[in-house]
Amino acid sequence: MPSISHVIEQQVISLSNGYTEVSSQPYDGHVFQIHGGSSGIGTFAIQVAKHLGIKVFVTAGSEEKLAACKDLGADVCINYKIEDFVERVKQETDGKCVDVILDNIGGPYLQRNLNSLGVDGRLFIIGFQGGAVTEVNLQAVLARSLTIQAAGLRGRSLANKAQIVSEVEKNVWPAVAAGKVKPVIYRTFPLSEAAEAHRLIESSTHIGKILLLR
């Protein structure tokens, strides 16, 4: 089972595609939106984005989770259960919307994500917690030159993987090594309590990562 150091490595790599895409551009003025801001990947992504000088919007489903995101550096925290995140994004950006979205929900959020992106905006899909099937009006993609991309290493060439790892090493890893960016570990379980760990995950009350350790 994973060690904590292995979790750090995997989270850095899982986030790397999105940040590699903007690594050659200045970060001043960039605005990122991170769905599931209180999740294991979300809490890590907030820290990485702030390290890179990026303004961060997050969504989460409770005030406690939003407070945790705020403590990690998130600039705008949106409770998706009581607020339309598209309208809030437009309000906070004077209609310019965000530059990059990291989305772990999938189908149910696709149209709203497209509506939240500004010109040349990029949507990185990192999961399908809400399902993978939906209907979408693609007009926004053409009108604002939007890009939809899966963020993952699966299927990439060895050369491309090496490039991503190199960008991570240059832009992110120094902050991880210095302890400025680190995973939020909510709770660890021994392997014998895997069922209890799974129940906690299903409850969606946790903030950060849940680990099974030997």
N, C-alpha and C. Protein backbone atom coordinates (compact mmCIF):
# COMPACT_ATOMS: atom_id res chain seq x y z
N MET A 1 0.85 -1.20 0.00
CA MET A 1 0.00 0.00 0.00
C MET A 1 0.88 1.25 0.00
N PRO A 2 0.31 2.40 -0.37
CA PRO A 2 1.14 3.59 -0.55
C PRO A 2 1.69 4.13 0.75
N SER A 3 2.93 4.60 0.71
CA SER A 3 3.48 5.37 1.81
C SER A 3 3.09 6.83 1.59
N ILE A 4 3.28 7.66 2.62
CA ILE A 4 2.93 9.06 2.48
C ILE A 4 3.79 9.73 1.41
N SER A 5 5.07 9.36 1.33
CA SER A 5 5.93 9.94 0.30
C SER A 5 5.45 9.55 -1.09
N HIS A 6 4.92 8.32 -1.22
CA HIS A 6 4.39 7.88 -2.50
C HIS A 6 3.16 8.69 -2.87
N VAL A 7 2.33 9.01 -1.89
CA VAL A 7 1.15 9.83 -2.13
C VAL A 7 1.54 11.19 -2.66
N ILE A 8 2.58 11.79 -2.06
CA ILE A 8 3.06 13.09 -2.54
C ILE A 8 3.45 12.99 -4.00
N GLU A 9 4.24 11.97 -4.34
CA GLU A 9 4.70 11.81 -5.71
C GLU A 9 3.53 11.65 -6.67
N GLN A 10 2.56 10.80 -6.30
CA GLN A 10 1.44 10.54 -7.19
C GLN A 10 0.57 11.78 -7.38
N GLN A 11 0.37 12.57 -6.33
CA GLN A 11 -0.45 13.76 -6.46
C GLN A 11 0.25 14.81 -7.32
N VAL A 12 1.55 14.95 -7.17
CA VAL A 12 2.28 15.88 -8.02
C VAL A 12 2.12 15.49 -9.48
N ILE A 13 2.30 14.21 -9.79
CA ILE A 13 2.20 13.76 -11.17
C ILE A 13 0.77 13.91 -11.68
N SER A 14 -0.22 13.59 -10.84
CA SER A 14 -1.62 13.66 -11.28
C SER A 14 -2.03 15.08 -11.62
N LEU A 15 -1.39 16.06 -11.01
CA LEU A 15 -1.71 17.46 -11.28
C LEU A 15 -0.83 18.06 -12.37
N SER A 16 0.22 17.37 -12.73
CA SER A 16 1.28 18.00 -13.52
C SER A 16 0.84 18.43 -14.90
N ASN A 17 -0.06 17.69 -15.54
CA ASN A 17 -0.44 18.04 -16.91
C ASN A 17 -1.00 19.44 -17.00
N GLY A 18 -1.90 19.79 -16.10
CA GLY A 18 -2.50 21.11 -16.13
C GLY A 18 -1.47 22.20 -15.96
N TYR A 19 -0.54 22.01 -15.05
CA TYR A 19 0.46 23.04 -14.80
C TYR A 19 1.54 23.05 -15.87
N THR A 20 1.82 21.90 -16.47
CA THR A 20 2.77 21.88 -17.58
C THR A 20 2.25 22.71 -18.74
N GLU A 21 0.94 22.68 -18.96
CA GLU A 21 0.35 23.42 -20.06
C GLU A 21 0.56 24.92 -19.93
N VAL A 22 0.67 25.44 -18.70
CA VAL A 22 0.83 26.88 -18.53
C VAL A 22 2.24 27.25 -18.09
N SER A 23 3.12 26.27 -18.03
CA SER A 23 4.45 26.52 -17.46
C SER A 23 5.28 27.48 -18.31
N SER A 24 4.96 27.57 -19.60
CA SER A 24 5.74 28.45 -20.47
C SER A 24 5.15 29.86 -20.53
N GLN A 25 4.09 30.11 -19.76
CA GLN A 25 3.44 31.40 -19.79
C GLN A 25 3.58 32.09 -18.45
N PRO A 26 3.50 33.44 -18.43
CA PRO A 26 3.54 34.15 -17.15
C PRO A 26 2.29 33.83 -16.34
N TYR A 27 2.44 33.77 -15.02
CA TYR A 27 1.31 33.42 -14.18
C TYR A 27 0.51 34.63 -13.74
N ASP A 28 1.07 35.82 -13.88
CA ASP A 28 0.36 37.02 -13.46
C ASP A 28 -0.97 37.11 -14.19
N GLY A 29 -2.04 37.25 -13.42
CA GLY A 29 -3.36 37.40 -14.02
C GLY A 29 -4.09 36.11 -14.28
N HIS A 30 -3.42 34.95 -14.13
CA HIS A 30 -4.10 33.68 -14.34
C HIS A 30 -5.10 33.42 -13.22
N VAL A 31 -6.22 32.83 -13.60
CA VAL A 31 -7.24 32.45 -12.62
C VAL A 31 -7.59 30.98 -12.86
N PHE A 32 -7.46 30.18 -11.80
CA PHE A 32 -7.80 28.76 -11.86
C PHE A 32 -9.06 28.51 -11.04
N GLN A 33 -9.87 27.56 -11.51
CA GLN A 33 -10.99 27.06 -10.70
C GLN A 33 -10.77 25.58 -10.45
N ILE A 34 -10.88 25.19 -9.18
CA ILE A 34 -10.65 23.80 -8.78
C ILE A 34 -11.93 23.26 -8.16
N HIS A 35 -12.55 22.29 -8.81
CA HIS A 35 -13.72 21.65 -8.24
C HIS A 35 -13.26 20.58 -7.24
N GLY A 36 -14.07 20.37 -6.22
CA GLY A 36 -13.66 19.42 -5.18
C GLY A 36 -12.44 19.93 -4.45
N GLY A 37 -12.47 21.21 -4.08
CA GLY A 37 -11.30 21.84 -3.47
C GLY A 37 -10.84 21.20 -2.18
N SER A 38 -11.75 20.51 -1.48
CA SER A 38 -11.38 19.90 -0.20
C SER A 38 -10.93 18.45 -0.34
N SER A 39 -10.92 17.93 -1.56
CA SER A 39 -10.48 16.55 -1.78
C SER A 39 -8.97 16.44 -1.65
N GLY A 40 -8.47 15.22 -1.72
CA GLY A 40 -7.02 15.02 -1.64
C GLY A 40 -6.29 15.77 -2.74
N ILE A 41 -6.76 15.60 -3.98
CA ILE A 41 -6.13 16.30 -5.09
C ILE A 41 -6.43 17.79 -5.02
N GLY A 42 -7.65 18.15 -4.62
CA GLY A 42 -8.02 19.56 -4.56
C GLY A 42 -7.18 20.35 -3.58
N THR A 43 -6.97 19.81 -2.38
CA THR A 43 -6.18 20.53 -1.38
C THR A 43 -4.73 20.68 -1.83
N PHE A 44 -4.25 19.69 -2.56
CA PHE A 44 -2.89 19.76 -3.09
C PHE A 44 -2.81 20.77 -4.23
N ALA A 45 -3.83 20.76 -5.09
CA ALA A 45 -3.85 21.66 -6.25
C ALA A 45 -3.89 23.12 -5.82
N ILE A 46 -4.63 23.42 -4.77
CA ILE A 46 -4.68 24.79 -4.26
C ILE A 46 -3.28 25.27 -3.92
N GLN A 47 -2.54 24.44 -3.19
CA GLN A 47 -1.20 24.83 -2.75
C GLN A 47 -0.25 25.01 -3.93
N VAL A 48 -0.33 24.11 -4.90
CA VAL A 48 0.54 24.21 -6.07
C VAL A 48 0.23 25.48 -6.85
N ALA A 49 -1.05 25.75 -7.05
CA ALA A 49 -1.44 26.94 -7.81
C ALA A 49 -0.98 28.21 -7.11
N LYS A 50 -1.16 28.28 -5.81
CA LYS A 50 -0.73 29.48 -5.08
C LYS A 50 0.79 29.63 -5.12
N HIS A 51 1.50 28.50 -5.07
CA HIS A 51 2.96 28.54 -5.19
C HIS A 51 3.38 29.14 -6.53
N LEU A 52 2.58 28.88 -7.57
CA LEU A 52 2.88 29.39 -8.90
C LEU A 52 2.34 30.80 -9.13
N GLY A 53 1.74 31.39 -8.12
CA GLY A 53 1.27 32.76 -8.23
C GLY A 53 -0.06 32.92 -8.93
N ILE A 54 -0.90 31.90 -8.85
CA ILE A 54 -2.18 31.88 -9.56
C ILE A 54 -3.33 32.18 -8.60
N LYS A 55 -4.29 32.97 -9.05
CA LYS A 55 -5.50 33.20 -8.27
C LYS A 55 -6.38 31.96 -8.36
N VAL A 56 -6.94 31.53 -7.22
CA VAL A 56 -7.64 30.25 -7.15
C VAL A 56 -9.09 30.42 -6.70
N PHE A 57 -10.01 29.88 -7.51
CA PHE A 57 -11.40 29.70 -7.12
C PHE A 57 -11.58 28.22 -6.79
N VAL A 58 -12.37 27.91 -5.77
CA VAL A 58 -12.67 26.51 -5.47
C VAL A 58 -14.17 26.34 -5.25
N THR A 59 -14.64 25.11 -5.47
CA THR A 59 -15.98 24.74 -5.06
C THR A 59 -15.88 23.59 -4.06
N ALA A 60 -16.80 23.59 -3.11
CA ALA A 60 -16.91 22.51 -2.12
C ALA A 60 -18.33 22.54 -1.57
N GLY A 61 -18.70 21.50 -0.80
CA GLY A 61 -20.09 21.34 -0.41
C GLY A 61 -20.45 21.69 1.01
N SER A 62 -19.54 22.29 1.77
CA SER A 62 -19.87 22.71 3.14
C SER A 62 -18.99 23.87 3.54
N GLU A 63 -19.46 24.61 4.53
CA GLU A 63 -18.68 25.75 5.00
C GLU A 63 -17.37 25.29 5.65
N GLU A 64 -17.40 24.14 6.30
CA GLU A 64 -16.17 23.60 6.90
C GLU A 64 -15.13 23.30 5.83
N LYS A 65 -15.57 22.70 4.73
CA LYS A 65 -14.64 22.38 3.65
C LYS A 65 -14.12 23.65 2.99
N LEU A 66 -15.00 24.64 2.82
CA LEU A 66 -14.56 25.90 2.22
C LEU A 66 -13.55 26.61 3.12
N ALA A 67 -13.76 26.53 4.43
CA ALA A 67 -12.82 27.15 5.37
C ALA A 67 -11.45 26.50 5.25
N ALA A 68 -11.41 25.18 5.08
CA ALA A 68 -10.14 24.48 4.90
C ALA A 68 -9.44 24.94 3.63
N CYS A 69 -10.22 25.11 2.56
CA CYS A 69 -9.66 25.60 1.29
C CYS A 69 -9.10 27.00 1.45
N LYS A 70 -9.83 27.84 2.19
CA LYS A 70 -9.39 29.21 2.43
C LYS A 70 -8.07 29.21 3.19
N ASP A 71 -7.96 28.35 4.19
CA ASP A 71 -6.73 28.27 4.98
C ASP A 71 -5.53 27.86 4.12
N LEU A 72 -5.78 27.10 3.06
CA LEU A 72 -4.71 26.65 2.17
C LEU A 72 -4.34 27.71 1.14
N GLY A 73 -5.13 28.80 1.08
CA GLY A 73 -4.78 29.89 0.18
C GLY A 73 -5.79 30.21 -0.90
N ALA A 74 -6.90 29.44 -0.99
CA ALA A 74 -7.90 29.72 -2.02
C ALA A 74 -8.43 31.14 -1.87
N ASP A 75 -8.59 31.82 -2.99
CA ASP A 75 -9.01 33.23 -2.98
C ASP A 75 -10.52 33.40 -2.96
N VAL A 76 -11.22 32.56 -3.71
CA VAL A 76 -12.68 32.64 -3.79
C VAL A 76 -13.24 31.25 -3.55
N CYS A 77 -14.08 31.11 -2.53
CA CYS A 77 -14.60 29.80 -2.12
C CYS A 77 -16.11 29.77 -2.33
N ILE A 78 -16.60 28.79 -3.08
CA ILE A 78 -17.99 28.73 -3.51
C ILE A 78 -18.63 27.44 -3.02
N ASN A 79 -19.73 27.56 -2.29
CA ASN A 79 -20.50 26.39 -1.86
C ASN A 79 -21.45 26.02 -2.99
N TYR A 80 -21.14 24.95 -3.71
CA TYR A 80 -21.92 24.59 -4.89
C TYR A 80 -23.33 24.15 -4.55
N LYS A 81 -23.60 23.83 -3.27
CA LYS A 81 -24.93 23.39 -2.88
C LYS A 81 -25.92 24.54 -2.78
N ILE A 82 -25.42 25.73 -2.55
CA ILE A 82 -26.32 26.87 -2.35
C ILE A 82 -26.05 28.02 -3.32
N GLU A 83 -25.07 27.87 -4.19
CA GLU A 83 -24.69 28.97 -5.07
C GLU A 83 -24.34 28.45 -6.46
N ASP A 84 -24.72 29.19 -7.49
CA ASP A 84 -24.38 28.87 -8.87
C ASP A 84 -22.94 29.32 -9.13
N PHE A 85 -22.04 28.36 -9.30
CA PHE A 85 -20.64 28.75 -9.42
C PHE A 85 -20.36 29.53 -10.71
N VAL A 86 -21.15 29.30 -11.76
CA VAL A 86 -20.94 30.06 -13.00
C VAL A 86 -21.20 31.54 -12.76
N GLU A 87 -22.32 31.85 -12.11
CA GLU A 87 -22.65 33.25 -11.84
C GLU A 87 -21.63 33.89 -10.91
N ARG A 88 -21.17 33.13 -9.91
CA ARG A 88 -20.18 33.68 -8.98
C ARG A 88 -18.86 33.96 -9.70
N VAL A 89 -18.46 33.06 -10.57
CA VAL A 89 -17.22 33.27 -11.34
C VAL A 89 -17.33 34.53 -12.18
N LYS A 90 -18.44 34.70 -12.86
CA LYS A 90 -18.62 35.89 -13.70
C LYS A 90 -18.63 37.16 -12.85
N GLN A 91 -19.26 37.07 -11.69
CA GLN A 91 -19.32 38.22 -10.79
C GLN A 91 -17.93 38.61 -10.29
N GLU A 92 -17.15 37.62 -9.88
CA GLU A 92 -15.84 37.88 -9.29
C GLU A 92 -14.80 38.33 -10.33
N THR A 93 -15.05 38.00 -11.59
CA THR A 93 -14.06 38.32 -12.64
C THR A 93 -14.56 39.40 -13.60
N ASP A 94 -15.64 40.08 -13.23
CA ASP A 94 -16.23 41.10 -14.11
C ASP A 94 -16.54 40.55 -15.50
N GLY A 95 -17.00 39.29 -15.52
CA GLY A 95 -17.41 38.67 -16.76
C GLY A 95 -16.30 38.05 -17.59
N LYS A 96 -15.05 38.18 -17.13
CA LYS A 96 -13.93 37.62 -17.90
C LYS A 96 -13.79 36.12 -17.72
N CYS A 97 -14.31 35.59 -16.63
CA CYS A 97 -14.28 34.17 -16.31
C CYS A 97 -12.86 33.69 -15.99
N VAL A 98 -12.68 32.38 -15.87
CA VAL A 98 -11.39 31.83 -15.43
C VAL A 98 -10.60 31.30 -16.63
N ASP A 99 -9.31 31.09 -16.41
CA ASP A 99 -8.43 30.62 -17.48
C ASP A 99 -8.33 29.10 -17.55
N VAL A 100 -8.34 28.45 -16.39
CA VAL A 100 -8.16 27.00 -16.32
C VAL A 100 -9.11 26.44 -15.28
N ILE A 101 -9.73 25.30 -15.59
CA ILE A 101 -10.57 24.58 -14.63
C ILE A 101 -10.03 23.17 -14.48
N LEU A 102 -9.85 22.73 -13.24
CA LEU A 102 -9.56 21.33 -12.93
C LEU A 102 -10.84 20.71 -12.40
N ASP A 103 -11.38 19.72 -13.13
CA ASP A 103 -12.70 19.18 -12.81
C ASP A 103 -12.66 17.69 -12.54
N ASN A 104 -13.19 17.29 -11.40
CA ASN A 104 -13.27 15.87 -11.06
C ASN A 104 -14.71 15.35 -11.09
N ILE A 105 -15.66 16.16 -11.55
CA ILE A 105 -17.07 15.78 -11.54
C ILE A 105 -17.48 15.16 -12.87
N GLY A 106 -17.07 15.75 -13.98
CA GLY A 106 -17.37 15.18 -15.28
C GLY A 106 -18.65 15.70 -15.90
N GLY A 107 -19.48 14.77 -16.40
CA GLY A 107 -20.66 15.10 -17.19
C GLY A 107 -21.54 16.22 -16.67
N PRO A 108 -22.02 16.14 -15.43
CA PRO A 108 -22.96 17.16 -14.94
C PRO A 108 -22.39 18.58 -14.92
N TYR A 109 -21.08 18.71 -14.89
CA TYR A 109 -20.46 20.03 -14.82
C TYR A 109 -19.95 20.53 -16.17
N LEU A 110 -20.00 19.71 -17.21
CA LEU A 110 -19.31 20.06 -18.45
C LEU A 110 -19.82 21.38 -19.03
N GLN A 111 -21.14 21.51 -19.20
CA GLN A 111 -21.66 22.74 -19.79
C GLN A 111 -21.35 23.95 -18.92
N ARG A 112 -21.53 23.80 -17.61
CA ARG A 112 -21.26 24.93 -16.71
C ARG A 112 -19.77 25.28 -16.69
N ASN A 113 -18.93 24.27 -16.82
CA ASN A 113 -17.49 24.57 -16.90
C ASN A 113 -17.17 25.39 -18.15
N LEU A 114 -17.74 24.99 -19.27
CA LEU A 114 -17.50 25.74 -20.51
C LEU A 114 -18.00 27.17 -20.37
N ASN A 115 -19.12 27.34 -19.68
CA ASN A 115 -19.67 28.68 -19.48
C ASN A 115 -18.84 29.51 -18.50
N SER A 116 -17.96 28.86 -17.74
CA SER A 116 -17.13 29.55 -16.75
C SER A 116 -15.76 29.93 -17.28
N LEU A 117 -15.42 29.47 -18.48
CA LEU A 117 -14.10 29.72 -19.05
C LEU A 117 -14.08 30.96 -19.93
N GLY A 118 -13.00 31.72 -19.83
CA GLY A 118 -12.81 32.88 -20.68
C GLY A 118 -12.16 32.50 -22.00
N VAL A 119 -11.81 33.48 -22.79
CA VAL A 119 -11.19 33.26 -24.09
C VAL A 119 -9.88 32.47 -23.93
N ASP A 120 -9.72 31.44 -24.76
CA ASP A 120 -8.56 30.54 -24.72
C ASP A 120 -8.50 29.73 -23.42
N GLY A 121 -9.62 29.61 -22.74
CA GLY A 121 -9.66 28.85 -21.49
C GLY A 121 -9.48 27.36 -21.72
N ARG A 122 -9.02 26.67 -20.67
CA ARG A 122 -8.75 25.24 -20.76
C ARG A 122 -9.41 24.48 -19.62
N LEU A 123 -10.12 23.43 -19.99
CA LEU A 123 -10.76 22.55 -19.03
C LEU A 123 -9.98 21.25 -18.96
N PHE A 124 -9.44 20.94 -17.78
CA PHE A 124 -8.73 19.68 -17.56
C PHE A 124 -9.63 18.75 -16.75
N ILE A 125 -9.99 17.63 -17.34
CA ILE A 125 -10.86 16.66 -16.68
C ILE A 125 -9.98 15.64 -15.97
N ILE A 126 -10.14 15.56 -14.64
CA ILE A 126 -9.32 14.66 -13.84
C ILE A 126 -10.14 13.56 -13.17
N GLY A 127 -11.45 13.51 -13.46
CA GLY A 127 -12.29 12.48 -12.87
C GLY A 127 -13.72 12.60 -13.34
N PHE A 128 -14.52 11.57 -13.00
CA PHE A 128 -15.93 11.53 -13.41
C PHE A 128 -16.83 11.15 -12.23
N GLN A 129 -16.67 11.81 -11.11
CA GLN A 129 -17.44 11.46 -9.92
C GLN A 129 -18.94 11.60 -10.14
N GLY A 130 -19.34 12.50 -11.03
CA GLY A 130 -20.76 12.70 -11.30
C GLY A 130 -21.26 11.95 -12.52
N GLY A 131 -20.37 11.20 -13.18
CA GLY A 131 -20.75 10.48 -14.39
C GLY A 131 -20.02 11.01 -15.61
N ALA A 132 -19.97 10.18 -16.65
CA ALA A 132 -19.18 10.52 -17.85
C ALA A 132 -20.04 10.88 -19.05
N VAL A 133 -21.37 10.80 -18.94
CA VAL A 133 -22.25 11.02 -20.08
C VAL A 133 -23.07 12.28 -19.87
N THR A 134 -23.15 13.12 -20.92
CA THR A 134 -23.95 14.34 -20.83
C THR A 134 -24.23 14.86 -22.22
N GLU A 135 -25.13 15.84 -22.32
CA GLU A 135 -25.33 16.60 -23.55
C GLU A 135 -24.72 17.97 -23.35
N VAL A 136 -24.14 18.52 -24.42
CA VAL A 136 -23.46 19.80 -24.27
C VAL A 136 -23.62 20.63 -25.54
N ASN A 137 -23.77 21.93 -25.35
CA ASN A 137 -23.79 22.88 -26.46
C ASN A 137 -22.35 23.36 -26.67
N LEU A 138 -21.78 23.03 -27.81
CA LEU A 138 -20.37 23.32 -28.06
C LEU A 138 -20.12 24.72 -28.61
N GLN A 139 -21.13 25.53 -28.67
CA GLN A 139 -20.95 26.87 -29.23
C GLN A 139 -19.87 27.66 -28.51
N ALA A 140 -19.84 27.52 -27.17
CA ALA A 140 -18.84 28.26 -26.39
C ALA A 140 -17.42 27.85 -26.74
N VAL A 141 -17.23 26.56 -27.07
CA VAL A 141 -15.90 26.07 -27.41
C VAL A 141 -15.35 26.80 -28.63
N LEU A 142 -16.19 26.94 -29.64
CA LEU A 142 -15.77 27.62 -30.87
C LEU A 142 -15.68 29.13 -30.66
N ALA A 143 -16.67 29.69 -29.98
CA ALA A 143 -16.74 31.15 -29.83
C ALA A 143 -15.57 31.70 -29.03
N ARG A 144 -15.10 30.93 -28.02
CA ARG A 144 -14.05 31.44 -27.15
C ARG A 144 -12.76 30.63 -27.23
N SER A 145 -12.66 29.79 -28.25
CA SER A 145 -11.43 28.99 -28.49
C SER A 145 -11.04 28.20 -27.25
N LEU A 146 -11.98 27.44 -26.72
CA LEU A 146 -11.74 26.66 -25.50
C LEU A 146 -11.10 25.31 -25.84
N THR A 147 -10.39 24.77 -24.86
CA THR A 147 -9.75 23.46 -24.98
C THR A 147 -10.24 22.55 -23.86
N ILE A 148 -10.62 21.33 -24.23
CA ILE A 148 -11.00 20.31 -23.25
C ILE A 148 -9.97 19.20 -23.32
N GLN A 149 -9.37 18.87 -22.19
CA GLN A 149 -8.28 17.89 -22.19
C GLN A 149 -8.36 17.01 -20.95
N ALA A 150 -8.09 15.72 -21.15
CA ALA A 150 -7.96 14.81 -20.01
C ALA A 150 -6.58 14.99 -19.40
N ALA A 151 -6.53 15.11 -18.08
CA ALA A 151 -5.25 15.29 -17.38
C ALA A 151 -4.82 13.95 -16.79
N GLY A 152 -3.97 13.27 -17.48
CA GLY A 152 -3.49 11.99 -17.02
C GLY A 152 -2.32 11.53 -17.86
N LEU A 153 -1.52 10.62 -17.33
CA LEU A 153 -0.35 10.14 -18.05
C LEU A 153 -0.65 8.92 -18.92
N ARG A 154 -1.80 8.31 -18.69
CA ARG A 154 -2.14 7.10 -19.43
C ARG A 154 -2.20 7.38 -20.93
N GLY A 155 -1.53 6.56 -21.69
CA GLY A 155 -1.57 6.69 -23.14
C GLY A 155 -0.55 7.66 -23.72
N ARG A 156 0.17 8.37 -22.87
CA ARG A 156 1.17 9.32 -23.37
C ARG A 156 2.47 8.59 -23.70
N SER A 157 3.23 9.17 -24.61
CA SER A 157 4.51 8.58 -24.98
C SER A 157 5.51 8.76 -23.85
N LEU A 158 6.56 7.96 -23.88
CA LEU A 158 7.60 8.08 -22.86
C LEU A 158 8.25 9.45 -22.91
N ALA A 159 8.42 9.99 -24.11
CA ALA A 159 9.04 11.31 -24.25
C ALA A 159 8.16 12.39 -23.62
N ASN A 160 6.85 12.28 -23.83
CA ASN A 160 5.93 13.26 -23.26
C ASN A 160 5.89 13.14 -21.74
N LYS A 161 5.89 11.91 -21.24
CA LYS A 161 5.92 11.71 -19.79
C LYS A 161 7.19 12.32 -19.19
N ALA A 162 8.30 12.13 -19.87
CA ALA A 162 9.57 12.68 -19.39
C ALA A 162 9.52 14.20 -19.35
N GLN A 163 8.88 14.80 -20.35
CA GLN A 163 8.75 16.26 -20.37
C GLN A 163 7.91 16.75 -19.20
N ILE A 164 6.81 16.05 -18.92
CA ILE A 164 5.94 16.43 -17.81
C ILE A 164 6.68 16.33 -16.48
N VAL A 165 7.40 15.22 -16.30
CA VAL A 165 8.16 15.04 -15.06
C VAL A 165 9.21 16.14 -14.92
N SER A 166 9.85 16.51 -16.02
CA SER A 166 10.86 17.57 -15.99
C SER A 166 10.24 18.90 -15.57
N GLU A 167 9.06 19.22 -16.07
CA GLU A 167 8.38 20.46 -15.70
C GLU A 167 8.00 20.44 -14.22
N VAL A 168 7.54 19.28 -13.75
CA VAL A 168 7.20 19.14 -12.33
C VAL A 168 8.43 19.37 -11.47
N GLU A 169 9.52 18.75 -11.88
CA GLU A 169 10.77 18.87 -11.12
C GLU A 169 11.22 20.33 -11.03
N LYS A 170 11.02 21.07 -12.10
CA LYS A 170 11.47 22.46 -12.15
C LYS A 170 10.51 23.40 -11.42
N ASN A 171 9.20 23.23 -11.63
CA ASN A 171 8.22 24.22 -11.17
C ASN A 171 7.56 23.90 -9.84
N VAL A 172 7.47 22.62 -9.50
CA VAL A 172 6.68 22.22 -8.33
C VAL A 172 7.50 21.53 -7.25
N TRP A 173 8.39 20.62 -7.66
CA TRP A 173 9.04 19.78 -6.67
C TRP A 173 9.86 20.54 -5.63
N PRO A 174 10.53 21.65 -5.98
CA PRO A 174 11.26 22.38 -4.93
C PRO A 174 10.37 22.81 -3.77
N ALA A 175 9.13 23.20 -4.07
CA ALA A 175 8.21 23.59 -3.00
C ALA A 175 7.77 22.40 -2.18
N VAL A 176 7.63 21.24 -2.83
CA VAL A 176 7.28 20.01 -2.10
C VAL A 176 8.43 19.61 -1.18
N ALA A 177 9.64 19.62 -1.72
CA ALA A 177 10.82 19.24 -0.94
C ALA A 177 11.04 20.16 0.24
N ALA A 178 10.67 21.44 0.08
CA ALA A 178 10.85 22.41 1.16
C ALA A 178 9.70 22.39 2.16
N GLY A 179 8.69 21.57 1.90
CA GLY A 179 7.55 21.49 2.80
C GLY A 179 6.55 22.61 2.65
N LYS A 180 6.69 23.41 1.60
CA LYS A 180 5.75 24.52 1.37
C LYS A 180 4.46 24.02 0.72
N VAL A 181 4.55 22.91 0.02
CA VAL A 181 3.39 22.26 -0.58
C VAL A 181 3.38 20.82 -0.10
N LYS A 182 2.29 20.40 0.49
CA LYS A 182 2.23 19.04 1.02
C LYS A 182 0.80 18.54 1.03
N PRO A 183 0.63 17.22 0.91
CA PRO A 183 -0.73 16.68 0.91
C PRO A 183 -1.38 16.84 2.28
N VAL A 184 -2.68 17.05 2.26
CA VAL A 184 -3.47 17.09 3.49
C VAL A 184 -3.96 15.68 3.77
N ILE A 185 -3.47 15.08 4.84
CA ILE A 185 -3.85 13.71 5.21
C ILE A 185 -4.92 13.78 6.29
N TYR A 186 -6.13 13.38 5.95
CA TYR A 186 -7.25 13.44 6.90
C TYR A 186 -7.14 12.32 7.94
N ARG A 187 -6.88 11.11 7.45
CA ARG A 187 -6.79 9.98 8.37
C ARG A 187 -6.11 8.82 7.67
N THR A 188 -5.39 8.02 8.44
CA THR A 188 -4.79 6.80 7.91
C THR A 188 -5.44 5.58 8.56
N PHE A 189 -5.52 4.50 7.80
CA PHE A 189 -6.09 3.25 8.29
C PHE A 189 -5.13 2.11 8.00
N PRO A 190 -5.06 1.11 8.89
CA PRO A 190 -4.35 -0.12 8.54
C PRO A 190 -5.16 -0.88 7.50
N LEU A 191 -4.49 -1.74 6.76
CA LEU A 191 -5.16 -2.49 5.70
C LEU A 191 -6.34 -3.29 6.23
N SER A 192 -6.26 -3.75 7.46
CA SER A 192 -7.34 -4.55 8.05
C SER A 192 -8.63 -3.75 8.23
N GLU A 193 -8.54 -2.42 8.17
CA GLU A 193 -9.72 -1.57 8.33
C GLU A 193 -10.11 -0.89 7.02
N ALA A 194 -9.86 -1.59 5.92
CA ALA A 194 -10.16 -1.03 4.60
C ALA A 194 -11.64 -0.71 4.44
N ALA A 195 -12.50 -1.55 4.99
CA ALA A 195 -13.95 -1.31 4.87
C ALA A 195 -14.35 -0.02 5.57
N GLU A 196 -13.77 0.25 6.72
CA GLU A 196 -14.06 1.48 7.45
C GLU A 196 -13.56 2.70 6.67
N ALA A 197 -12.39 2.57 6.06
CA ALA A 197 -11.86 3.66 5.24
C ALA A 197 -12.79 3.95 4.07
N HIS A 198 -13.31 2.89 3.47
CA HIS A 198 -14.22 3.07 2.33
C HIS A 198 -15.51 3.75 2.76
N ARG A 199 -16.01 3.39 3.93
CA ARG A 199 -17.23 4.04 4.44
C ARG A 199 -17.00 5.53 4.67
N LEU A 200 -15.83 5.87 5.17
CA LEU A 200 -15.51 7.28 5.39
C LEU A 200 -15.45 8.04 4.06
N ILE A 201 -14.85 7.42 3.06
CA ILE A 201 -14.80 8.05 1.74
C ILE A 201 -16.20 8.28 1.20
N GLU A 202 -17.07 7.27 1.34
CA GLU A 202 -18.44 7.40 0.83
C GLU A 202 -19.23 8.46 1.57
N SER A 203 -18.89 8.71 2.83
CA SER A 203 -19.61 9.73 3.61
C SER A 203 -19.33 11.14 3.11
N SER A 204 -18.21 11.32 2.44
CA SER A 204 -17.79 12.62 1.89
C SER A 204 -17.71 13.70 2.96
N THR A 205 -17.34 13.30 4.17
CA THR A 205 -17.20 14.28 5.25
C THR A 205 -15.74 14.67 5.48
N HIS A 206 -14.84 13.99 4.82
CA HIS A 206 -13.41 14.20 5.07
C HIS A 206 -12.88 15.37 4.27
N ILE A 207 -11.74 15.88 4.71
CA ILE A 207 -11.02 16.95 4.01
C ILE A 207 -9.61 16.45 3.76
N GLY A 208 -9.22 16.33 2.50
CA GLY A 208 -7.90 15.82 2.18
C GLY A 208 -7.93 14.35 1.83
N LYS A 209 -6.81 13.69 2.05
CA LYS A 209 -6.59 12.33 1.60
C LYS A 209 -6.82 11.32 2.73
N ILE A 210 -7.38 10.17 2.38
CA ILE A 210 -7.50 9.04 3.30
C ILE A 210 -6.56 7.95 2.80
N LEU A 211 -5.70 7.46 3.69
CA LEU A 211 -4.68 6.49 3.28
C LEU A 211 -4.87 5.14 3.94
N LEU A 212 -4.62 4.09 3.17
CA LEU A 212 -4.49 2.74 3.70
C LEU A 212 -3.01 2.41 3.77
N LEU A 213 -2.53 2.06 4.96
CA LEU A 213 -1.11 1.78 5.15
C LEU A 213 -0.92 0.40 5.76
N ARG A 214 0.18 -0.23 5.37
CA ARG A 214 0.54 -1.50 5.99
C ARG A 214 1.24 -1.25 7.30
